[in-house]
Amino acid sequence: MIPDYRLDLQGEPCPYPAIITLQELPKLYDGEILEVLSDCPQSINNIPIDAKNHGYKVLKVEQQGTTIRYLIQK
């Protein structure tokens, strides 16, 4: 699965990764995938739920070390 766009939000404190993600998702065309990278531990509680609540599909959430990677489809 290859994302169409990437947001590297490592270093951004919560809640900014969730806010910025929700600002960028509407810019995608239907079916496109956004990859989001965050090192904010609380983002795992916000980004997937916020994305689903706004009608987006969370395809994958994975953590490697302190980095959390989200794949979200419009």
PDB file of N, CA and C in Angstrom:
ATOM      1  N   MET A   1       0.837  -1.171   0.000  1.00  0.00           N
ATOM      2  CA  MET A   1       0.000   0.000   0.000  1.00  0.00           C
ATOM      3  C   MET A   1       0.886   1.239   0.000  1.00  0.00           C
ATOM      4  N   ILE A   2       0.783   2.029  -1.038  1.00  0.00           N
ATOM      5  CA  ILE A   2       1.629   3.219  -1.171  1.00  0.00           C
ATOM      6  C   ILE A   2       0.785   4.469  -0.945  1.00  0.00           C
ATOM      7  N   PRO A   3       1.137   5.261   0.069  1.00  0.00           N
ATOM      8  CA  PRO A   3       0.367   6.480   0.316  1.00  0.00           C
ATOM      9  C   PRO A   3       0.595   7.525  -0.786  1.00  0.00           C
ATOM     10  N   ASP A   4      -0.418   8.339  -1.009  1.00  0.00           N
ATOM     11  CA  ASP A   4      -0.314   9.413  -2.004  1.00  0.00           C
ATOM     12  C   ASP A   4       0.377  10.641  -1.419  1.00  0.00           C
ATOM     13  N   TYR A   5       0.197  10.847  -0.120  1.00  0.00           N
ATOM     14  CA  TYR A   5       0.762  12.020   0.543  1.00  0.00           C
ATOM     15  C   TYR A   5       1.306  11.619   1.906  1.00  0.00           C
ATOM     16  N   ARG A   6       2.219  12.433   2.402  1.00  0.00           N
ATOM     17  CA  ARG A   6       2.826  12.143   3.699  1.00  0.00           C
ATOM     18  C   ARG A   6       2.883  13.410   4.539  1.00  0.00           C
ATOM     19  N   LEU A   7       2.475  13.266   5.787  1.00  0.00           N
ATOM     20  CA  LEU A   7       2.601  14.339   6.772  1.00  0.00           C
ATOM     21  C   LEU A   7       3.546  13.857   7.855  1.00  0.00           C
ATOM     22  N   ASP A   8       4.685  14.494   8.001  1.00  0.00           N
ATOM     23  CA  ASP A   8       5.614  14.143   9.074  1.00  0.00           C
ATOM     24  C   ASP A   8       5.415  15.153  10.201  1.00  0.00           C
ATOM     25  N   LEU A   9       4.701  14.742  11.218  1.00  0.00           N
ATOM     26  CA  LEU A   9       4.366  15.631  12.328  1.00  0.00           C
ATOM     27  C   LEU A   9       5.152  15.273  13.578  1.00  0.00           C
ATOM     28  N   GLN A  10       6.268  14.601  13.399  1.00  0.00           N
ATOM     29  CA  GLN A  10       7.113  14.260  14.542  1.00  0.00           C
ATOM     30  C   GLN A  10       7.651  15.550  15.152  1.00  0.00           C
ATOM     31  N   GLY A  11       7.571  15.637  16.457  1.00  0.00           N
ATOM     32  CA  GLY A  11       8.001  16.843  17.157  1.00  0.00           C
ATOM     33  C   GLY A  11       6.853  17.781  17.478  1.00  0.00           C
ATOM     34  N   GLU A  12       5.698  17.565  16.838  1.00  0.00           N
ATOM     35  CA  GLU A  12       4.518  18.398  17.119  1.00  0.00           C
ATOM     36  C   GLU A  12       3.799  17.831  18.344  1.00  0.00           C
ATOM     37  N   PRO A  13       3.546  18.655  19.350  1.00  0.00           N
ATOM     38  CA  PRO A  13       2.838  18.159  20.536  1.00  0.00           C
ATOM     39  C   PRO A  13       1.339  18.016  20.246  1.00  0.00           C
ATOM     40  N   CYS A  14       0.719  17.128  20.978  1.00  0.00           N
ATOM     41  CA  CYS A  14      -0.735  16.966  20.861  1.00  0.00           C
ATOM     42  C   CYS A  14      -1.414  18.230  21.380  1.00  0.00           C
ATOM     43  N   PRO A  15      -2.490  18.649  20.800  1.00  0.00           N
ATOM     44  CA  PRO A  15      -3.324  17.952  19.822  1.00  0.00           C
ATOM     45  C   PRO A  15      -3.023  18.309  18.377  1.00  0.00           C
ATOM     46  N   TYR A  16      -1.893  18.975  18.104  1.00  0.00           N
ATOM     47  CA  TYR A  16      -1.624  19.461  16.745  1.00  0.00           C
ATOM     48  C   TYR A  16      -1.567  18.367  15.678  1.00  0.00           C
ATOM     49  N   PRO A  17      -1.010  17.172  15.952  1.00  0.00           N
ATOM     50  CA  PRO A  17      -1.051  16.147  14.893  1.00  0.00           C
ATOM     51  C   PRO A  17      -2.476  15.812  14.454  1.00  0.00           C
ATOM     52  N   ALA A  18      -3.396  15.722  15.388  1.00  0.00           N
ATOM     53  CA  ALA A  18      -4.789  15.421  15.019  1.00  0.00           C
ATOM     54  C   ALA A  18      -5.414  16.598  14.279  1.00  0.00           C
ATOM     55  N   ILE A  19      -5.164  17.799  14.730  1.00  0.00           N
ATOM     56  CA  ILE A  19      -5.742  18.992  14.096  1.00  0.00           C
ATOM     57  C   ILE A  19      -5.220  19.147  12.672  1.00  0.00           C
ATOM     58  N   ILE A  20      -3.922  19.021  12.502  1.00  0.00           N
ATOM     59  CA  ILE A  20      -3.324  19.187  11.162  1.00  0.00           C
ATOM     60  C   ILE A  20      -3.792  18.073  10.229  1.00  0.00           C
ATOM     61  N   THR A  21      -3.887  16.851  10.753  1.00  0.00           N
ATOM     62  CA  THR A  21      -4.378  15.733   9.936  1.00  0.00           C
ATOM     63  C   THR A  21      -5.784  16.017   9.429  1.00  0.00           C
ATOM     64  N   LEU A  22      -6.650  16.487  10.308  1.00  0.00           N
ATOM     65  CA  LEU A  22      -8.036  16.784   9.900  1.00  0.00           C
ATOM     66  C   LEU A  22      -8.111  17.967   8.948  1.00  0.00           C
ATOM     67  N   GLN A  23      -7.130  18.853   8.980  1.00  0.00           N
ATOM     68  CA  GLN A  23      -7.098  19.965   8.026  1.00  0.00           C
ATOM     69  C   GLN A  23      -6.642  19.491   6.646  1.00  0.00           C
ATOM     70  N   GLU A  24      -5.791  18.477   6.595  1.00  0.00           N
ATOM     71  CA  GLU A  24      -5.237  18.013   5.319  1.00  0.00           C
ATOM     72  C   GLU A  24      -6.135  16.996   4.615  1.00  0.00           C
ATOM     73  N   LEU A  25      -6.839  16.166   5.362  1.00  0.00           N
ATOM     74  CA  LEU A  25      -7.636  15.094   4.743  1.00  0.00           C
ATOM     75  C   LEU A  25      -8.658  15.589   3.720  1.00  0.00           C
ATOM     76  N   PRO A  26      -9.357  16.689   3.940  1.00  0.00           N
ATOM     77  CA  PRO A  26     -10.324  17.139   2.932  1.00  0.00           C
ATOM     78  C   PRO A  26      -9.692  17.515   1.591  1.00  0.00           C
ATOM     79  N   LYS A  27      -8.388  17.766   1.568  1.00  0.00           N
ATOM     80  CA  LYS A  27      -7.702  18.154   0.336  1.00  0.00           C
ATOM     81  C   LYS A  27      -7.455  16.958  -0.589  1.00  0.00           C
ATOM     82  N   LEU A  28      -7.580  15.745  -0.052  1.00  0.00           N
ATOM     83  CA  LEU A  28      -7.359  14.537  -0.854  1.00  0.00           C
ATOM     84  C   LEU A  28      -8.564  14.268  -1.751  1.00  0.00           C
ATOM     85  N   TYR A  29      -8.316  13.575  -2.861  1.00  0.00           N
ATOM     86  CA  TYR A  29      -9.395  13.071  -3.689  1.00  0.00           C
ATOM     87  C   TYR A  29      -9.863  11.744  -3.099  1.00  0.00           C
ATOM     88  N   ASP A  30     -11.096  11.381  -3.411  1.00  0.00           N
ATOM     89  CA  ASP A  30     -11.637  10.116  -2.919  1.00  0.00           C
ATOM     90  C   ASP A  30     -10.717   8.961  -3.298  1.00  0.00           C
ATOM     91  N   GLY A  31     -10.424   8.110  -2.331  1.00  0.00           N
ATOM     92  CA  GLY A  31      -9.582   6.941  -2.566  1.00  0.00           C
ATOM     93  C   GLY A  31      -8.104   7.180  -2.289  1.00  0.00           C
ATOM     94  N   GLU A  32      -7.689   8.440  -2.216  1.00  0.00           N
ATOM     95  CA  GLU A  32      -6.271   8.713  -1.948  1.00  0.00           C
ATOM     96  C   GLU A  32      -5.960   8.418  -0.479  1.00  0.00           C
ATOM     97  N   ILE A  33      -4.679   8.129  -0.232  1.00  0.00           N
ATOM     98  CA  ILE A  33      -4.235   7.723   1.101  1.00  0.00           C
ATOM     99  C   ILE A  33      -3.218   8.725   1.638  1.00  0.00           C
ATOM    100  N   LEU A  34      -3.428   9.120   2.877  1.00  0.00           N
ATOM    101  CA  LEU A  34      -2.513  10.015   3.580  1.00  0.00           C
ATOM    102  C   LEU A  34      -1.761   9.224   4.641  1.00  0.00           C
ATOM    103  N   GLU A  35      -0.456   9.348   4.614  1.00  0.00           N
ATOM    104  CA  GLU A  35       0.385   8.760   5.664  1.00  0.00           C
ATOM    105  C   GLU A  35       0.722   9.856   6.660  1.00  0.00           C
ATOM    106  N   VAL A  36       0.511   9.584   7.933  1.00  0.00           N
ATOM    107  CA  VAL A  36       0.806  10.545   8.987  1.00  0.00           C
ATOM    108  C   VAL A  36       1.807   9.910   9.942  1.00  0.00           C
ATOM    109  N   LEU A  37       2.867  10.633  10.228  1.00  0.00           N
ATOM    110  CA  LEU A  37       3.863  10.188  11.206  1.00  0.00           C
ATOM    111  C   LEU A  37       3.812  11.124  12.397  1.00  0.00           C
ATOM    112  N   SER A  38       3.735  10.545  13.581  1.00  0.00           N
ATOM    113  CA  SER A  38       3.674  11.345  14.801  1.00  0.00           C
ATOM    114  C   SER A  38       4.449  10.632  15.896  1.00  0.00           C
ATOM    115  N   ASP A  39       5.051  11.416  16.766  1.00  0.00           N
ATOM    116  CA  ASP A  39       5.700  10.823  17.932  1.00  0.00           C
ATOM    117  C   ASP A  39       5.004  11.261  19.222  1.00  0.00           C
ATOM    118  N   CYS A  40       3.824  11.824  19.068  1.00  0.00           N
ATOM    119  CA  CYS A  40       3.011  12.189  20.228  1.00  0.00           C
ATOM    120  C   CYS A  40       2.237  10.953  20.664  1.00  0.00           C
ATOM    121  N   PRO A  41       2.508  10.416  21.854  1.00  0.00           N
ATOM    122  CA  PRO A  41       1.852   9.176  22.282  1.00  0.00           C
ATOM    123  C   PRO A  41       0.330   9.278  22.331  1.00  0.00           C
ATOM    124  N   GLN A  42      -0.201  10.447  22.646  1.00  0.00           N
ATOM    125  CA  GLN A  42      -1.658  10.596  22.741  1.00  0.00           C
ATOM    126  C   GLN A  42      -2.332  10.629  21.376  1.00  0.00           C
ATOM    127  N   SER A  43      -1.559  10.806  20.316  1.00  0.00           N
ATOM    128  CA  SER A  43      -2.181  10.860  18.983  1.00  0.00           C
ATOM    129  C   SER A  43      -2.858   9.542  18.629  1.00  0.00           C
ATOM    130  N   ILE A  44      -2.398   8.456  19.243  1.00  0.00           N
ATOM    131  CA  ILE A  44      -3.010   7.153  18.950  1.00  0.00           C
ATOM    132  C   ILE A  44      -4.449   7.105  19.481  1.00  0.00           C
ATOM    133  N   ASN A  45      -4.759   7.968  20.427  1.00  0.00           N
ATOM    134  CA  ASN A  45      -6.132   8.046  20.931  1.00  0.00           C
ATOM    135  C   ASN A  45      -6.980   9.022  20.118  1.00  0.00           C
ATOM    136  N   ASN A  46      -6.333   9.965  19.445  1.00  0.00           N
ATOM    137  CA  ASN A  46      -7.078  11.022  18.753  1.00  0.00           C
ATOM    138  C   ASN A  46      -7.220  10.787  17.254  1.00  0.00           C
ATOM    139  N   ILE A  47      -6.138  10.560  16.565  1.00  0.00           N
ATOM    140  CA  ILE A  47      -6.162  10.546  15.099  1.00  0.00           C
ATOM    141  C   ILE A  47      -7.100   9.477  14.546  1.00  0.00           C
ATOM    142  N   PRO A  48      -7.023   8.215  14.983  1.00  0.00           N
ATOM    143  CA  PRO A  48      -7.940   7.227  14.391  1.00  0.00           C
ATOM    144  C   PRO A  48      -9.415   7.533  14.644  1.00  0.00           C
ATOM    145  N   ILE A  49      -9.737   7.945  15.844  1.00  0.00           N
ATOM    146  CA  ILE A  49     -11.141   8.234  16.176  1.00  0.00           C
ATOM    147  C   ILE A  49     -11.632   9.471  15.442  1.00  0.00           C
ATOM    148  N   ASP A  50     -10.813  10.523  15.428  1.00  0.00           N
ATOM    149  CA  ASP A  50     -11.222  11.743  14.721  1.00  0.00           C
ATOM    150  C   ASP A  50     -11.402  11.475  13.233  1.00  0.00           C
ATOM    151  N   ALA A  51     -10.488  10.710  12.650  1.00  0.00           N
ATOM    152  CA  ALA A  51     -10.593  10.411  11.214  1.00  0.00           C
ATOM    153  C   ALA A  51     -11.878   9.628  10.917  1.00  0.00           C
ATOM    154  N   LYS A  52     -12.154   8.619  11.725  1.00  0.00           N
ATOM    155  CA  LYS A  52     -13.379   7.832  11.518  1.00  0.00           C
ATOM    156  C   LYS A  52     -14.621   8.690  11.706  1.00  0.00           C
ATOM    157  N   ASN A  53     -14.613   9.529  12.717  1.00  0.00           N
ATOM    158  CA  ASN A  53     -15.774  10.389  12.974  1.00  0.00           C
ATOM    159  C   ASN A  53     -16.026  11.395  11.856  1.00  0.00           C
ATOM    160  N   HIS A  54     -15.000  11.692  11.076  1.00  0.00           N
ATOM    161  CA  HIS A  54     -15.159  12.613   9.949  1.00  0.00           C
ATOM    162  C   HIS A  54     -15.352  11.880   8.625  1.00  0.00           C
ATOM    163  N   GLY A  55     -15.546  10.570   8.697  1.00  0.00           N
ATOM    164  CA  GLY A  55     -15.883   9.808   7.497  1.00  0.00           C
ATOM    165  C   GLY A  55     -14.716   9.235   6.724  1.00  0.00           C
ATOM    166  N   TYR A  56     -13.526   9.258   7.301  1.00  0.00           N
ATOM    167  CA  TYR A  56     -12.351   8.698   6.633  1.00  0.00           C
ATOM    168  C   TYR A  56     -12.105   7.276   7.132  1.00  0.00           C
ATOM    169  N   LYS A  57     -11.373   6.515   6.336  1.00  0.00           N
ATOM    170  CA  LYS A  57     -11.111   5.121   6.671  1.00  0.00           C
ATOM    171  C   LYS A  57      -9.669   4.973   7.159  1.00  0.00           C
ATOM    172  N   VAL A  58      -9.508   4.499   8.378  1.00  0.00           N
ATOM    173  CA  VAL A  58      -8.169   4.257   8.923  1.00  0.00           C
ATOM    174  C   VAL A  58      -7.736   2.865   8.470  1.00  0.00           C
ATOM    175  N   LEU A  59      -6.758   2.826   7.602  1.00  0.00           N
ATOM    176  CA  LEU A  59      -6.309   1.559   7.016  1.00  0.00           C
ATOM    177  C   LEU A  59      -5.304   0.838   7.897  1.00  0.00           C
ATOM    178  N   LYS A  60      -4.455   1.617   8.572  1.00  0.00           N
ATOM    179  CA  LYS A  60      -3.385   0.981   9.338  1.00  0.00           C
ATOM    180  C   LYS A  60      -2.865   1.934  10.404  1.00  0.00           C
ATOM    181  N   VAL A  61      -2.564   1.383  11.555  1.00  0.00           N
ATOM    182  CA  VAL A  61      -1.879   2.112  12.624  1.00  0.00           C
ATOM    183  C   VAL A  61      -0.759   1.203  13.101  1.00  0.00           C
ATOM    184  N   GLU A  62       0.454   1.698  13.028  1.00  0.00           N
ATOM    185  CA  GLU A  62       1.569   0.885  13.504  1.00  0.00           C
ATOM    186  C   GLU A  62       2.580   1.772  14.216  1.00  0.00           C
ATOM    187  N   GLN A  63       3.250   1.190  15.174  1.00  0.00           N
ATOM    188  CA  GLN A  63       4.233   1.932  15.957  1.00  0.00           C
ATOM    189  C   GLN A  63       5.593   1.275  15.831  1.00  0.00           C
ATOM    190  N   GLN A  64       6.591   2.122  15.546  1.00  0.00           N
ATOM    191  CA  GLN A  64       7.982   1.664  15.505  1.00  0.00           C
ATOM    192  C   GLN A  64       8.771   2.593  16.410  1.00  0.00           C
ATOM    193  N   GLY A  65       9.162   2.095  17.574  1.00  0.00           N
ATOM    194  CA  GLY A  65       9.847   2.954  18.545  1.00  0.00           C
ATOM    195  C   GLY A  65       8.871   3.999  19.041  1.00  0.00           C
ATOM    196  N   THR A  66       9.266   5.255  18.939  1.00  0.00           N
ATOM    197  CA  THR A  66       8.374   6.328  19.386  1.00  0.00           C
ATOM    198  C   THR A  66       7.510   6.879  18.260  1.00  0.00           C
ATOM    199  N   THR A  67       7.738   6.413  17.040  1.00  0.00           N
ATOM    200  CA  THR A  67       6.991   6.925  15.886  1.00  0.00           C
ATOM    201  C   THR A  67       5.752   6.076  15.625  1.00  0.00           C
ATOM    202  N   ILE A  68       4.626   6.750  15.503  1.00  0.00           N
ATOM    203  CA  ILE A  68       3.366   6.098  15.170  1.00  0.00           C
ATOM    204  C   ILE A  68       3.017   6.488  13.741  1.00  0.00           C
ATOM    205  N   ARG A  69       2.695   5.478  12.940  1.00  0.00           N
ATOM    206  CA  ARG A  69       2.391   5.699  11.521  1.00  0.00           C
ATOM    207  C   ARG A  69       0.922   5.361  11.278  1.00  0.00           C
ATOM    208  N   TYR A  70       0.238   6.295  10.645  1.00  0.00           N
ATOM    209  CA  TYR A  70      -1.171   6.113  10.330  1.00  0.00           C
ATOM    210  C   TYR A  70      -1.333   6.159   8.810  1.00  0.00           C
ATOM    211  N   LEU A  71      -2.156   5.276   8.292  1.00  0.00           N
ATOM    212  CA  LEU A  71      -2.558   5.352   6.890  1.00  0.00           C
ATOM    213  C   LEU A  71      -4.056   5.571   6.883  1.00  0.00           C
ATOM    214  N   ILE A  72      -4.461   6.693   6.298  1.00  0.00           N
ATOM    215  CA  ILE A  72      -5.868   7.089   6.316  1.00  0.00           C
ATOM    216  C   ILE A  72      -6.311   7.360   4.881  1.00  0.00           C
ATOM    217  N   GLN A  73      -7.438   6.783   4.519  1.00  0.00           N
ATOM    218  CA  GLN A  73      -7.956   6.924   3.158  1.00  0.00           C
ATOM    219  C   GLN A  73      -9.194   7.810   3.152  1.00  0.00           C
ATOM    220  N   LYS A  74      -9.241   8.681   2.155  1.00  0.00           N
ATOM    221  CA  LYS A  74     -10.441   9.523   2.008  1.00  0.00           C
ATOM    222  C   LYS A  74     -11.504   8.750   1.262  1.00  0.00           C
TER     223      LYS A  74
END
